[in-house]
Amino acid sequence: MPFDAIQGQLTAIETLTRALGHDLVHHAYRFEGIDGVGKERTALAFAQALLCPEEALGCGRCETCRRSVSFSEGPPSVPLHPDVVLVGRGVYPPETIGGKKETSEISVEQIRRVVLARVQYAPHEAKAQVFIVRDAEQLSISAANALLKTLEEPRAATHFLLLTAQPERLLDTIRSRTMPVRFGPLSEEILLGLLEGEGVEKQAALDAVALAGGSAASAFEAVAEGESDRNTFVEAVVAAMKSPHLDVGVRLGEGLGRDRAQVVVDLLALSAYVVRRSREAVAKGDVARAEGWARRHGLVLDAIDAIQRNGAVNVVVAGLVASLQQGRQRRPGAKPPIVVQRR
């Protein structure tokens, strides 16, 4: 069964296989969870099951199953089976979707030409057709509205799978017409197994997992990028924490010229550093110091969440440093001056 290869998402897989087994598949699902935890892989397995002529949960062996998960060499790099349609920012060359390059969002032209032009017809070959929308939060307002009518009045045997790490960015009307299936972070054990299975040395794998936040994609990126830049960032924040001047955090935040995703990776490295310090304090029996580092860990997680929700990087980092400074200096029970609350 195609679902057997998916690790760490038992609840999500059970939800989907139960629907398939009882022939109660919803026409539109919303796969929610951080990047790199198996949402797209699960979507392809679900597409196999819906199209497979042999078994209700997909046999994984027939020609239909194989083409459902095999991608063209491209561009565009999309499933070979014509009834599995991939939608996503930058998937198709500009000449295919009206001549405009998609730099920041999924355009309405892609929805019109890739989805609406096909959805009005029956499946080409299989018993169903499946549209997989990668990073659905990147749908432009006009693209989302163009998709909405199809979600409201779907054609028989047509299914939509919207994959998103930021469901709150989707239109309320889109969310109300899609059934959520939630994907959790992968365990350290699973991530270590994936890395070591690719030949990553044990200590490097452990370091990468500490930075990954439960994401296999982030773990492999951490291995590929190495540690020098992240260590520089961590050292700068630790030095700022020890400074008596609150403006050091402002200067640090203003000096971050890298993209948002890179800052998140750096903050994950800071999170791993804080966790190590807390564990060292526990090992020494210093409960008060361990609790202090645990509070700092919560502040770092708040900052990561704020940036992932499009908070201004310089403001969030400046606020984090100020909170970390006060976390060290404040009286028991006093609140830090700037706290970014997670949802």
C-alpha atoms as a PDB file:
ATOM      1  CA  MET A   1       0.000   0.000   0.000  1.00  0.00           C
ATOM      2  CA  PRO A   2       1.439   3.429  -0.946  1.00  0.00           C
ATOM      3  CA  PHE A   3       0.672   4.816   2.522  1.00  0.00           C
ATOM      4  CA  ASP A   4       3.059   2.318   4.149  1.00  0.00           C
ATOM      5  CA  ALA A   5       6.087   4.395   3.129  1.00  0.00           C
ATOM      6  CA  ILE A   6       4.886   7.488   5.023  1.00  0.00           C
ATOM      7  CA  GLN A   7       6.395   7.833   8.489  1.00  0.00           C
ATOM      8  CA  GLY A   8       5.194   9.651  11.584  1.00  0.00           C
ATOM      9  CA  GLN A   9       1.678  10.607  10.444  1.00  0.00           C
ATOM     10  CA  LEU A  10      -0.492   7.788  11.754  1.00  0.00           C
ATOM     11  CA  THR A  11      -3.500   9.972  12.564  1.00  0.00           C
ATOM     12  CA  ALA A  12      -3.563  11.650   9.159  1.00  0.00           C
ATOM     13  CA  ILE A  13      -3.111   8.350   7.332  1.00  0.00           C
ATOM     14  CA  GLU A  14      -5.836   6.700   9.397  1.00  0.00           C
ATOM     15  CA  THR A  15      -8.250   9.531   8.553  1.00  0.00           C
ATOM     16  CA  LEU A  16      -7.602   9.161   4.834  1.00  0.00           C
ATOM     17  CA  THR A  17      -7.566   5.376   4.632  1.00  0.00           C
ATOM     18  CA  ARG A  18     -10.795   5.158   6.647  1.00  0.00           C
ATOM     19  CA  ALA A  19     -12.476   7.500   4.154  1.00  0.00           C
ATOM     20  CA  LEU A  20     -11.169   5.437   1.246  1.00  0.00           C
ATOM     21  CA  GLY A  21     -12.182   2.148   2.829  1.00  0.00           C
ATOM     22  CA  HIS A  22     -15.742   3.308   3.466  1.00  0.00           C
ATOM     23  CA  ASP A  23     -16.093   5.165   0.149  1.00  0.00           C
ATOM     24  CA  LEU A  24     -16.642   8.440   2.027  1.00  0.00           C
ATOM     25  CA  VAL A  25     -13.920  10.549   0.437  1.00  0.00           C
ATOM     26  CA  HIS A  26     -14.502  14.303   0.704  1.00  0.00           C
ATOM     27  CA  HIS A  27     -14.120  16.307  -2.486  1.00  0.00           C
ATOM     28  CA  ALA A  28     -11.584  18.734  -0.967  1.00  0.00           C
ATOM     29  CA  TYR A  29      -9.024  18.283   1.801  1.00  0.00           C
ATOM     30  CA  ARG A  30      -6.659  20.749   3.439  1.00  0.00           C
ATOM     31  CA  PHE A  31      -3.389  19.124   4.550  1.00  0.00           C
ATOM     32  CA  GLU A  32      -1.993  21.338   7.327  1.00  0.00           C
ATOM     33  CA  GLY A  33       1.473  21.117   8.874  1.00  0.00           C
ATOM     34  CA  ILE A  34       4.985  22.521   8.697  1.00  0.00           C
ATOM     35  CA  ASP A  35       6.991  21.923   5.547  1.00  0.00           C
ATOM     36  CA  GLY A  36       8.914  18.680   5.269  1.00  0.00           C
ATOM     37  CA  VAL A  37       6.639  16.329   7.229  1.00  0.00           C
ATOM     38  CA  GLY A  38       5.125  14.331   4.368  1.00  0.00           C
ATOM     39  CA  LYS A  39       2.111  16.330   3.170  1.00  0.00           C
ATOM     40  CA  GLU A  40       2.946  16.121  -0.538  1.00  0.00           C
ATOM     41  CA  ARG A  41       4.042  12.504  -0.309  1.00  0.00           C
ATOM     42  CA  THR A  42       0.733  11.671   1.372  1.00  0.00           C
ATOM     43  CA  ALA A  43      -1.177  13.622  -1.269  1.00  0.00           C
ATOM     44  CA  LEU A  44       0.445  11.538  -4.004  1.00  0.00           C
ATOM     45  CA  ALA A  45      -0.324   8.304  -2.128  1.00  0.00           C
ATOM     46  CA  PHE A  46      -3.938   9.467  -1.775  1.00  0.00           C
ATOM     47  CA  ALA A  47      -4.048  10.202  -5.508  1.00  0.00           C
ATOM     48  CA  GLN A  48      -2.738   6.700  -6.223  1.00  0.00           C
ATOM     49  CA  ALA A  49      -5.512   5.205  -4.117  1.00  0.00           C
ATOM     50  CA  LEU A  50      -8.212   7.290  -5.801  1.00  0.00           C
ATOM     51  CA  LEU A  51      -7.028   6.372  -9.290  1.00  0.00           C
ATOM     52  CA  CYS A  52      -5.910   2.765  -8.742  1.00  0.00           C
ATOM     53  CA  PRO A  53      -8.094   0.218 -10.604  1.00  0.00           C
ATOM     54  CA  GLU A  54      -6.879  -2.678  -8.460  1.00  0.00           C
ATOM     55  CA  GLU A  55      -7.212  -1.855  -4.738  1.00  0.00           C
ATOM     56  CA  ALA A  56      -9.189   0.644  -2.649  1.00  0.00           C
ATOM     57  CA  LEU A  57      -6.049   1.900  -0.899  1.00  0.00           C
ATOM     58  CA  GLY A  58      -3.883   1.726  -4.010  1.00  0.00           C
ATOM     59  CA  CYS A  59      -1.734  -1.219  -4.983  1.00  0.00           C
ATOM     60  CA  GLY A  60       1.384   0.832  -5.741  1.00  0.00           C
ATOM     61  CA  ARG A  61       2.295  -1.643  -8.499  1.00  0.00           C
ATOM     62  CA  CYS A  62       0.042  -1.026 -11.486  1.00  0.00           C
ATOM     63  CA  GLU A  63       0.808   1.376 -14.308  1.00  0.00           C
ATOM     64  CA  THR A  64      -1.720   3.892 -12.980  1.00  0.00           C
ATOM     65  CA  CYS A  65      -0.100   3.950  -9.534  1.00  0.00           C
ATOM     66  CA  ARG A  66       3.401   4.245 -10.960  1.00  0.00           C
ATOM     67  CA  ARG A  67       2.547   7.153 -13.264  1.00  0.00           C
ATOM     68  CA  SER A  68       0.642   8.938 -10.483  1.00  0.00           C
ATOM     69  CA  VAL A  69       3.848   9.425  -8.484  1.00  0.00           C
ATOM     70  CA  SER A  70       6.413   9.598 -11.308  1.00  0.00           C
ATOM     71  CA  PHE A  71       7.344  13.111 -12.422  1.00  0.00           C
ATOM     72  CA  SER A  72       8.311  14.383 -15.850  1.00  0.00           C
ATOM     73  CA  GLU A  73      11.844  15.604 -16.311  1.00  0.00           C
ATOM     74  CA  GLY A  74      10.260  18.945 -17.196  1.00  0.00           C
ATOM     75  CA  PRO A  75       9.903  21.765 -17.093  1.00  0.00           C
ATOM     76  CA  PRO A  76       7.291  21.583 -15.852  1.00  0.00           C
ATOM     77  CA  SER A  77       8.091  18.781 -13.415  1.00  0.00           C
ATOM     78  CA  VAL A  78       4.619  17.311 -12.856  1.00  0.00           C
ATOM     79  CA  PRO A  79       3.102  13.819 -12.408  1.00  0.00           C
ATOM     80  CA  LEU A  80       3.095  11.745 -15.581  1.00  0.00           C
ATOM     81  CA  HIS A  81      -0.492  10.625 -15.114  1.00  0.00           C
ATOM     82  CA  PRO A  82      -2.825  13.184 -16.747  1.00  0.00           C
ATOM     83  CA  ASP A  83      -5.409  12.809 -13.982  1.00  0.00           C
ATOM     84  CA  VAL A  84      -3.002  13.942 -11.244  1.00  0.00           C
ATOM     85  CA  VAL A  85      -2.582  17.684 -11.689  1.00  0.00           C
ATOM     86  CA  LEU A  86      -0.031  19.682  -9.708  1.00  0.00           C
ATOM     87  CA  VAL A  87      -0.600  23.366  -8.979  1.00  0.00           C
ATOM     88  CA  GLY A  88       2.034  25.586  -7.386  1.00  0.00           C
ATOM     89  CA  ARG A  89       3.956  28.826  -7.668  1.00  0.00           C
ATOM     90  CA  GLY A  90       6.591  28.557 -10.367  1.00  0.00           C
ATOM     91  CA  VAL A  91       5.676  25.005 -11.384  1.00  0.00           C
ATOM     92  CA  TYR A  92       4.804  26.035 -14.958  1.00  0.00           C
ATOM     93  CA  PRO A  93       6.895  28.192 -17.302  1.00  0.00           C
ATOM     94  CA  PRO A  94       5.479  31.686 -17.942  1.00  0.00           C
ATOM     95  CA  GLU A  95       4.490  30.888 -21.533  1.00  0.00           C
ATOM     96  CA  THR A  96       2.154  28.173 -20.238  1.00  0.00           C
ATOM     97  CA  ILE A  97       0.270  30.480 -17.875  1.00  0.00           C
ATOM     98  CA  GLY A  98      -0.098  33.740 -19.747  1.00  0.00           C
ATOM     99  CA  GLY A  99       3.468  34.953 -20.046  1.00  0.00           C
ATOM    100  CA  LYS A 100       3.963  36.251 -16.498  1.00  0.00           C
ATOM    101  CA  LYS A 101       6.523  34.845 -14.094  1.00  0.00           C
ATOM    102  CA  GLU A 102       5.093  33.873 -10.690  1.00  0.00           C
ATOM    103  CA  THR A 103       7.522  35.386  -8.186  1.00  0.00           C
ATOM    104  CA  SER A 104       5.486  35.529  -5.001  1.00  0.00           C
ATOM    105  CA  GLU A 105       2.102  33.874  -5.515  1.00  0.00           C
ATOM    106  CA  ILE A 106       0.075  31.377  -7.513  1.00  0.00           C
ATOM    107  CA  SER A 107      -1.521  33.427 -10.255  1.00  0.00           C
ATOM    108  CA  VAL A 108      -5.128  33.431 -11.344  1.00  0.00           C
ATOM    109  CA  GLU A 109      -3.931  32.538 -14.850  1.00  0.00           C
ATOM    110  CA  GLN A 110      -2.472  29.269 -13.551  1.00  0.00           C
ATOM    111  CA  ILE A 111      -5.809  28.404 -11.924  1.00  0.00           C
ATOM    112  CA  ARG A 112      -7.702  29.250 -15.099  1.00  0.00           C
ATOM    113  CA  ARG A 113      -5.407  27.373 -17.489  1.00  0.00           C
ATOM    114  CA  VAL A 114      -4.320  24.428 -15.344  1.00  0.00           C
ATOM    115  CA  VAL A 115      -7.398  23.816 -13.175  1.00  0.00           C
ATOM    116  CA  LEU A 116     -10.536  25.380 -14.627  1.00  0.00           C
ATOM    117  CA  ALA A 117      -9.706  24.314 -18.177  1.00  0.00           C
ATOM    118  CA  ARG A 118      -9.537  20.678 -17.055  1.00  0.00           C
ATOM    119  CA  VAL A 119     -12.033  20.384 -14.221  1.00  0.00           C
ATOM    120  CA  GLN A 120     -15.041  20.765 -16.492  1.00  0.00           C
ATOM    121  CA  TYR A 121     -14.203  17.460 -18.202  1.00  0.00           C
ATOM    122  CA  ALA A 122     -14.271  13.873 -16.979  1.00  0.00           C
ATOM    123  CA  PRO A 123     -10.976  12.204 -16.028  1.00  0.00           C
ATOM    124  CA  HIS A 124      -8.751  11.392 -19.025  1.00  0.00           C
ATOM    125  CA  GLU A 125      -8.020   7.770 -18.170  1.00  0.00           C
ATOM    126  CA  ALA A 126      -8.708   6.857 -14.546  1.00  0.00           C
ATOM    127  CA  LYS A 127     -11.842   6.720 -12.428  1.00  0.00           C
ATOM    128  CA  ALA A 128     -11.036  10.055 -10.751  1.00  0.00           C
ATOM    129  CA  GLN A 129      -8.920  13.155 -11.169  1.00  0.00           C
ATOM    130  CA  VAL A 130      -6.947  14.838  -8.389  1.00  0.00           C
ATOM    131  CA  PHE A 131      -5.665  18.419  -8.157  1.00  0.00           C
ATOM    132  CA  ILE A 132      -2.804  18.912  -5.694  1.00  0.00           C
ATOM    133  CA  VAL A 133      -2.157  22.543  -4.719  1.00  0.00           C
ATOM    134  CA  ARG A 134       1.350  22.921  -3.307  1.00  0.00           C
ATOM    135  CA  ASP A 135       1.796  25.779  -0.761  1.00  0.00           C
ATOM    136  CA  ALA A 136      -1.860  26.751  -1.096  1.00  0.00           C
ATOM    137  CA  GLU A 137      -1.360  29.813   1.122  1.00  0.00           C
ATOM    138  CA  GLN A 138       0.425  31.350  -1.887  1.00  0.00           C
ATOM    139  CA  LEU A 139      -2.809  31.549  -3.895  1.00  0.00           C
ATOM    140  CA  SER A 140      -3.414  35.144  -4.878  1.00  0.00           C
ATOM    141  CA  ILE A 141      -6.787  36.598  -3.887  1.00  0.00           C
ATOM    142  CA  SER A 142      -8.030  36.383  -7.465  1.00  0.00           C
ATOM    143  CA  ALA A 143      -6.692  32.830  -7.840  1.00  0.00           C
ATOM    144  CA  ALA A 144      -8.393  31.735  -4.629  1.00  0.00           C
ATOM    145  CA  ASN A 145     -11.670  33.290  -5.725  1.00  0.00           C
ATOM    146  CA  ALA A 146     -11.391  31.618  -9.141  1.00  0.00           C
ATOM    147  CA  LEU A 147     -10.910  28.266  -7.405  1.00  0.00           C
ATOM    148  CA  LEU A 148     -13.740  28.856  -4.955  1.00  0.00           C
ATOM    149  CA  LYS A 149     -16.689  28.101  -7.254  1.00  0.00           C
ATOM    150  CA  THR A 150     -15.153  24.764  -8.226  1.00  0.00           C
ATOM    151  CA  LEU A 151     -14.731  23.887  -4.550  1.00  0.00           C
ATOM    152  CA  GLU A 152     -18.364  24.842  -3.926  1.00  0.00           C
ATOM    153  CA  GLU A 153     -19.749  22.801  -6.837  1.00  0.00           C
ATOM    154  CA  PRO A 154     -17.259  20.037  -7.594  1.00  0.00           C
ATOM    155  CA  ARG A 155     -17.684  17.707 -10.511  1.00  0.00           C
ATOM    156  CA  ALA A 156     -18.160  14.039  -9.609  1.00  0.00           C
ATOM    157  CA  ALA A 157     -14.920  12.060  -9.185  1.00  0.00           C
ATOM    158  CA  THR A 158     -12.905  15.281  -8.842  1.00  0.00           C
ATOM    159  CA  HIS A 159     -10.850  15.872  -5.717  1.00  0.00           C
ATOM    160  CA  PHE A 160      -8.716  18.740  -4.427  1.00  0.00           C
ATOM    161  CA  LEU A 161      -5.833  18.455  -1.975  1.00  0.00           C
ATOM    162  CA  LEU A 162      -4.596  21.812  -0.677  1.00  0.00           C
ATOM    163  CA  LEU A 163      -1.222  21.579   1.078  1.00  0.00           C
ATOM    164  CA  THR A 164      -0.293  24.389   3.446  1.00  0.00           C
ATOM    165  CA  ALA A 165       2.054  25.279   6.271  1.00  0.00           C
ATOM    166  CA  GLN A 166       0.094  28.480   6.965  1.00  0.00           C
ATOM    167  CA  PRO A 167      -3.638  27.711   6.828  1.00  0.00           C
ATOM    168  CA  GLU A 168      -4.489  31.029   8.490  1.00  0.00           C
ATOM    169  CA  ARG A 169      -3.408  32.784   5.279  1.00  0.00           C
ATOM    170  CA  LEU A 170      -6.077  31.032   3.236  1.00  0.00           C
ATOM    171  CA  LEU A 171      -9.374  32.777   2.597  1.00  0.00           C
ATOM    172  CA  ASP A 172     -12.041  31.867   5.144  1.00  0.00           C
ATOM    173  CA  THR A 173     -14.235  30.736   2.275  1.00  0.00           C
ATOM    174  CA  ILE A 174     -11.539  28.328   1.079  1.00  0.00           C
ATOM    175  CA  ARG A 175     -11.045  26.918   4.579  1.00  0.00           C
ATOM    176  CA  SER A 176     -14.783  26.440   5.082  1.00  0.00           C
ATOM    177  CA  ARG A 177     -15.016  24.306   1.932  1.00  0.00           C
ATOM    178  CA  THR A 178     -12.056  22.041   2.648  1.00  0.00           C
ATOM    179  CA  MET A 179     -11.732  19.340   5.289  1.00  0.00           C
ATOM    180  CA  PRO A 180      -8.602  19.709   7.459  1.00  0.00           C
ATOM    181  CA  VAL A 181      -6.138  16.853   7.917  1.00  0.00           C
ATOM    182  CA  ARG A 182      -3.350  17.802  10.294  1.00  0.00           C
ATOM    183  CA  PHE A 183       0.268  16.655  10.017  1.00  0.00           C
ATOM    184  CA  GLY A 184       2.511  16.878  13.066  1.00  0.00           C
ATOM    185  CA  PRO A 185       6.298  17.392  13.298  1.00  0.00           C
ATOM    186  CA  LEU A 186       8.358  14.251  12.790  1.00  0.00           C
ATOM    187  CA  SER A 187      10.013  12.686  15.824  1.00  0.00           C
ATOM    188  CA  GLU A 188      13.760  12.897  16.396  1.00  0.00           C
ATOM    189  CA  GLU A 189      13.959   9.131  15.910  1.00  0.00           C
ATOM    190  CA  ILE A 190      12.384   9.306  12.460  1.00  0.00           C
ATOM    191  CA  LEU A 191      14.552  12.233  11.386  1.00  0.00           C
ATOM    192  CA  LEU A 192      17.719  10.492  12.576  1.00  0.00           C
ATOM    193  CA  GLY A 193      16.716   7.382  10.659  1.00  0.00           C
ATOM    194  CA  LEU A 194      16.137   9.381   7.479  1.00  0.00           C
ATOM    195  CA  LEU A 195      19.483  11.189   7.739  1.00  0.00           C
ATOM    196  CA  GLU A 196      21.526   8.155   8.662  1.00  0.00           C
ATOM    197  CA  GLY A 197      19.800   6.219   5.882  1.00  0.00           C
ATOM    198  CA  GLU A 198      21.326   8.748   3.480  1.00  0.00           C
ATOM    199  CA  GLY A 199      24.774   8.211   4.960  1.00  0.00           C
ATOM    200  CA  VAL A 200      24.922  11.274   7.226  1.00  0.00           C
ATOM    201  CA  GLU A 201      27.406  10.818  10.077  1.00  0.00           C
ATOM    202  CA  LYS A 202      25.800  10.341  13.519  1.00  0.00           C
ATOM    203  CA  GLN A 203      26.912  13.611  15.167  1.00  0.00           C
ATOM    204  CA  ALA A 204      26.089  15.660  12.081  1.00  0.00           C
ATOM    205  CA  ALA A 205      22.658  14.016  12.018  1.00  0.00           C
ATOM    206  CA  LEU A 206      22.076  14.820  15.699  1.00  0.00           C
ATOM    207  CA  ASP A 207      23.049  18.454  15.143  1.00  0.00           C
ATOM    208  CA  ALA A 208      20.773  18.707  12.106  1.00  0.00           C
ATOM    209  CA  VAL A 209      17.810  17.177  13.935  1.00  0.00           C
ATOM    210  CA  ALA A 210      18.241  19.704  16.750  1.00  0.00           C
ATOM    211  CA  LEU A 211      17.791  22.481  14.178  1.00  0.00           C
ATOM    212  CA  ALA A 212      15.021  20.875  12.143  1.00  0.00           C
ATOM    213  CA  GLY A 213      11.960  21.532  14.286  1.00  0.00           C
ATOM    214  CA  GLY A 214      10.457  18.215  13.216  1.00  0.00           C
ATOM    215  CA  SER A 215      10.910  18.842   9.481  1.00  0.00           C
ATOM    216  CA  ALA A 216      12.802  16.383   7.292  1.00  0.00           C
ATOM    217  CA  ALA A 217      13.374  19.102   4.699  1.00  0.00           C
ATOM    218  CA  SER A 218      14.932  21.389   7.313  1.00  0.00           C
ATOM    219  CA  ALA A 219      17.096  18.543   8.618  1.00  0.00           C
ATOM    220  CA  PHE A 220      18.556  17.840   5.173  1.00  0.00           C
ATOM    221  CA  GLU A 221      19.028  21.577   4.556  1.00  0.00           C
ATOM    222  CA  ALA A 222      20.914  21.864   7.842  1.00  0.00           C
ATOM    223  CA  VAL A 223      23.258  19.075   6.768  1.00  0.00           C
ATOM    224  CA  ALA A 224      23.830  20.672   3.371  1.00  0.00           C
ATOM    225  CA  GLU A 225      24.449  24.187   4.670  1.00  0.00           C
ATOM    226  CA  GLY A 226      26.847  23.362   7.500  1.00  0.00           C
ATOM    227  CA  GLU A 227      27.065  25.321  10.734  1.00  0.00           C
ATOM    228  CA  SER A 228      29.330  28.349  10.276  1.00  0.00           C
ATOM    229  CA  ASP A 229      26.682  30.976   9.470  1.00  0.00           C
ATOM    230  CA  ARG A 230      24.262  29.668  12.094  1.00  0.00           C
ATOM    231  CA  ASN A 231      26.978  29.667  14.756  1.00  0.00           C
ATOM    232  CA  THR A 232      27.770  33.286  13.914  1.00  0.00           C
ATOM    233  CA  PHE A 233      24.127  34.222  14.448  1.00  0.00           C
ATOM    234  CA  VAL A 234      23.883  32.286  17.724  1.00  0.00           C
ATOM    235  CA  GLU A 235      27.083  33.872  19.032  1.00  0.00           C
ATOM    236  CA  ALA A 236      25.764  37.344  18.137  1.00  0.00           C
ATOM    237  CA  VAL A 237      22.495  36.756  20.007  1.00  0.00           C
ATOM    238  CA  VAL A 238      24.280  35.320  23.063  1.00  0.00           C
ATOM    239  CA  ALA A 239      26.598  38.346  23.137  1.00  0.00           C
ATOM    240  CA  ALA A 240      23.583  40.656  22.833  1.00  0.00           C
ATOM    241  CA  MET A 241      21.879  38.822  25.720  1.00  0.00           C
ATOM    242  CA  LYS A 242      24.824  39.649  27.956  1.00  0.00           C
ATOM    243  CA  SER A 243      24.897  43.314  26.979  1.00  0.00           C
ATOM    244  CA  PRO A 244      23.314  45.879  29.349  1.00  0.00           C
ATOM    245  CA  HIS A 245      22.186  47.957  26.351  1.00  0.00           C
ATOM    246  CA  LEU A 246      18.774  47.275  24.825  1.00  0.00           C
ATOM    247  CA  ASP A 247      19.715  48.817  21.464  1.00  0.00           C
ATOM    248  CA  VAL A 248      22.011  45.899  20.584  1.00  0.00           C
ATOM    249  CA  GLY A 249      18.958  43.847  19.640  1.00  0.00           C
ATOM    250  CA  VAL A 250      17.766  46.596  17.317  1.00  0.00           C
ATOM    251  CA  ARG A 251      21.145  46.706  15.590  1.00  0.00           C
ATOM    252  CA  LEU A 252      21.201  42.923  15.288  1.00  0.00           C
ATOM    253  CA  GLY A 253      17.729  42.840  13.762  1.00  0.00           C
ATOM    254  CA  GLU A 254      18.537  45.606  11.299  1.00  0.00           C
ATOM    255  CA  GLY A 255      21.664  43.755  10.191  1.00  0.00           C
ATOM    256  CA  LEU A 256      19.783  40.678   9.024  1.00  0.00           C
ATOM    257  CA  GLY A 257      19.779  40.915   5.265  1.00  0.00           C
ATOM    258  CA  ARG A 258      18.908  37.290   4.540  1.00  0.00           C
ATOM    259  CA  ASP A 259      15.513  35.916   3.669  1.00  0.00           C
ATOM    260  CA  ARG A 260      12.838  34.978   6.182  1.00  0.00           C
ATOM    261  CA  ALA A 261      13.371  31.232   5.806  1.00  0.00           C
ATOM    262  CA  GLN A 262      17.073  31.608   6.617  1.00  0.00           C
ATOM    263  CA  VAL A 263      16.304  33.621   9.753  1.00  0.00           C
ATOM    264  CA  VAL A 264      13.978  30.834  10.894  1.00  0.00           C
ATOM    265  CA  VAL A 265      16.814  28.332  10.416  1.00  0.00           C
ATOM    266  CA  ASP A 266      19.125  30.573  12.465  1.00  0.00           C
ATOM    267  CA  LEU A 267      16.526  30.834  15.212  1.00  0.00           C
ATOM    268  CA  LEU A 268      16.172  27.052  15.243  1.00  0.00           C
ATOM    269  CA  ALA A 269      19.939  26.901  15.807  1.00  0.00           C
ATOM    270  CA  LEU A 270      19.498  29.348  18.692  1.00  0.00           C
ATOM    271  CA  SER A 271      16.698  27.147  20.039  1.00  0.00           C
ATOM    272  CA  ALA A 272      19.002  24.121  19.941  1.00  0.00           C
ATOM    273  CA  TYR A 273      21.707  26.089  21.788  1.00  0.00           C
ATOM    274  CA  VAL A 274      19.248  27.113  24.504  1.00  0.00           C
ATOM    275  CA  VAL A 275      18.041  23.525  24.908  1.00  0.00           C
ATOM    276  CA  ARG A 276      21.632  22.326  25.320  1.00  0.00           C
ATOM    277  CA  ARG A 277      22.293  24.928  28.001  1.00  0.00           C
ATOM    278  CA  SER A 278      19.134  23.929  29.843  1.00  0.00           C
ATOM    279  CA  ARG A 279      20.114  20.254  29.770  1.00  0.00           C
ATOM    280  CA  GLU A 280      23.608  21.112  31.025  1.00  0.00           C
ATOM    281  CA  ALA A 281      22.044  22.968  33.960  1.00  0.00           C
ATOM    282  CA  VAL A 282      19.785  20.016  34.738  1.00  0.00           C
ATOM    283  CA  ALA A 283      22.784  17.666  34.667  1.00  0.00           C
ATOM    284  CA  LYS A 284      24.522  19.907  37.223  1.00  0.00           C
ATOM    285  CA  GLY A 285      21.432  20.038  39.442  1.00  0.00           C
ATOM    286  CA  ASP A 286      20.988  23.790  38.915  1.00  0.00           C
ATOM    287  CA  VAL A 287      17.201  23.891  38.695  1.00  0.00           C
ATOM    288  CA  ALA A 288      16.896  27.694  38.714  1.00  0.00           C
ATOM    289  CA  ARG A 289      19.292  28.085  35.783  1.00  0.00           C
ATOM    290  CA  ALA A 290      17.570  25.276  33.886  1.00  0.00           C
ATOM    291  CA  GLU A 291      14.217  26.999  34.330  1.00  0.00           C
ATOM    292  CA  GLY A 292      15.722  30.251  33.082  1.00  0.00           C
ATOM    293  CA  TRP A 293      16.945  28.596  29.900  1.00  0.00           C
ATOM    294  CA  ALA A 294      13.570  26.900  29.500  1.00  0.00           C
ATOM    295  CA  ARG A 295      11.879  30.338  29.591  1.00  0.00           C
ATOM    296  CA  ARG A 296      14.303  31.586  26.956  1.00  0.00           C
ATOM    297  CA  HIS A 297      13.456  28.577  24.800  1.00  0.00           C
ATOM    298  CA  GLY A 298       9.798  29.592  24.855  1.00  0.00           C
ATOM    299  CA  LEU A 299      10.750  33.119  23.759  1.00  0.00           C
ATOM    300  CA  VAL A 300      12.739  31.778  20.815  1.00  0.00           C
ATOM    301  CA  LEU A 301       9.806  29.591  19.732  1.00  0.00           C
ATOM    302  CA  ASP A 302       7.537  32.645  19.957  1.00  0.00           C
ATOM    303  CA  ALA A 303       9.890  34.544  17.640  1.00  0.00           C
ATOM    304  CA  ILE A 304      10.002  31.687  15.119  1.00  0.00           C
ATOM    305  CA  ASP A 305       6.222  31.535  15.072  1.00  0.00           C
ATOM    306  CA  ALA A 306       5.957  35.309  14.615  1.00  0.00           C
ATOM    307  CA  ILE A 307       8.309  35.292  11.621  1.00  0.00           C
ATOM    308  CA  GLN A 308       6.477  32.363  10.049  1.00  0.00           C
ATOM    309  CA  ARG A 309       3.322  34.439  10.360  1.00  0.00           C
ATOM    310  CA  ASN A 310       4.992  37.229   8.384  1.00  0.00           C
ATOM    311  CA  GLY A 311       6.161  39.349  11.304  1.00  0.00           C
ATOM    312  CA  ALA A 312       8.836  41.918  10.408  1.00  0.00           C
ATOM    313  CA  VAL A 313      12.175  40.151  10.877  1.00  0.00           C
ATOM    314  CA  ASN A 314      14.036  43.128  12.354  1.00  0.00           C
ATOM    315  CA  VAL A 315      11.243  43.911  14.813  1.00  0.00           C
ATOM    316  CA  VAL A 316      10.815  40.303  15.937  1.00  0.00           C
ATOM    317  CA  VAL A 317      14.564  39.745  16.429  1.00  0.00           C
ATOM    318  CA  ALA A 318      14.968  43.036  18.300  1.00  0.00           C
ATOM    319  CA  GLY A 319      12.043  42.119  20.542  1.00  0.00           C
ATOM    320  CA  LEU A 320      13.451  38.639  21.099  1.00  0.00           C
ATOM    321  CA  VAL A 321      16.843  39.973  22.200  1.00  0.00           C
ATOM    322  CA  ALA A 322      15.206  42.454  24.569  1.00  0.00           C
ATOM    323  CA  SER A 323      13.079  39.684  26.049  1.00  0.00           C
ATOM    324  CA  LEU A 324      16.092  37.389  26.398  1.00  0.00           C
ATOM    325  CA  GLN A 325      18.003  40.145  28.185  1.00  0.00           C
ATOM    326  CA  GLN A 326      15.138  40.702  30.580  1.00  0.00           C
ATOM    327  CA  GLY A 327      14.728  36.953  30.954  1.00  0.00           C
ATOM    328  CA  ARG A 328      18.193  36.990  32.490  1.00  0.00           C
ATOM    329  CA  GLN A 329      17.842  40.200  34.455  1.00  0.00           C
ATOM    330  CA  ARG A 330      14.218  40.548  35.557  1.00  0.00           C
ATOM    331  CA  ARG A 331      12.898  39.940  39.037  1.00  0.00           C
ATOM    332  CA  PRO A 332      11.006  36.658  39.671  1.00  0.00           C
ATOM    333  CA  GLY A 333       7.491  36.943  38.311  1.00  0.00           C
ATOM    334  CA  ALA A 334       8.150  40.065  36.229  1.00  0.00           C
ATOM    335  CA  LYS A 335       7.298  39.923  32.539  1.00  0.00           C
ATOM    336  CA  PRO A 336       9.800  40.696  29.783  1.00  0.00           C
ATOM    337  CA  PRO A 337       9.194  44.020  28.004  1.00  0.00           C
ATOM    338  CA  ILE A 338       8.450  42.499  24.581  1.00  0.00           C
ATOM    339  CA  VAL A 339       6.810  39.129  24.121  1.00  0.00           C
ATOM    340  CA  VAL A 340       5.520  37.746  20.816  1.00  0.00           C
ATOM    341  CA  GLN A 341       2.712  35.337  21.581  1.00  0.00           C
ATOM    342  CA  ARG A 342       2.314  32.144  19.591  1.00  0.00           C
ATOM    343  CA  ARG A 343      -1.094  31.056  18.384  1.00  0.00           C
END
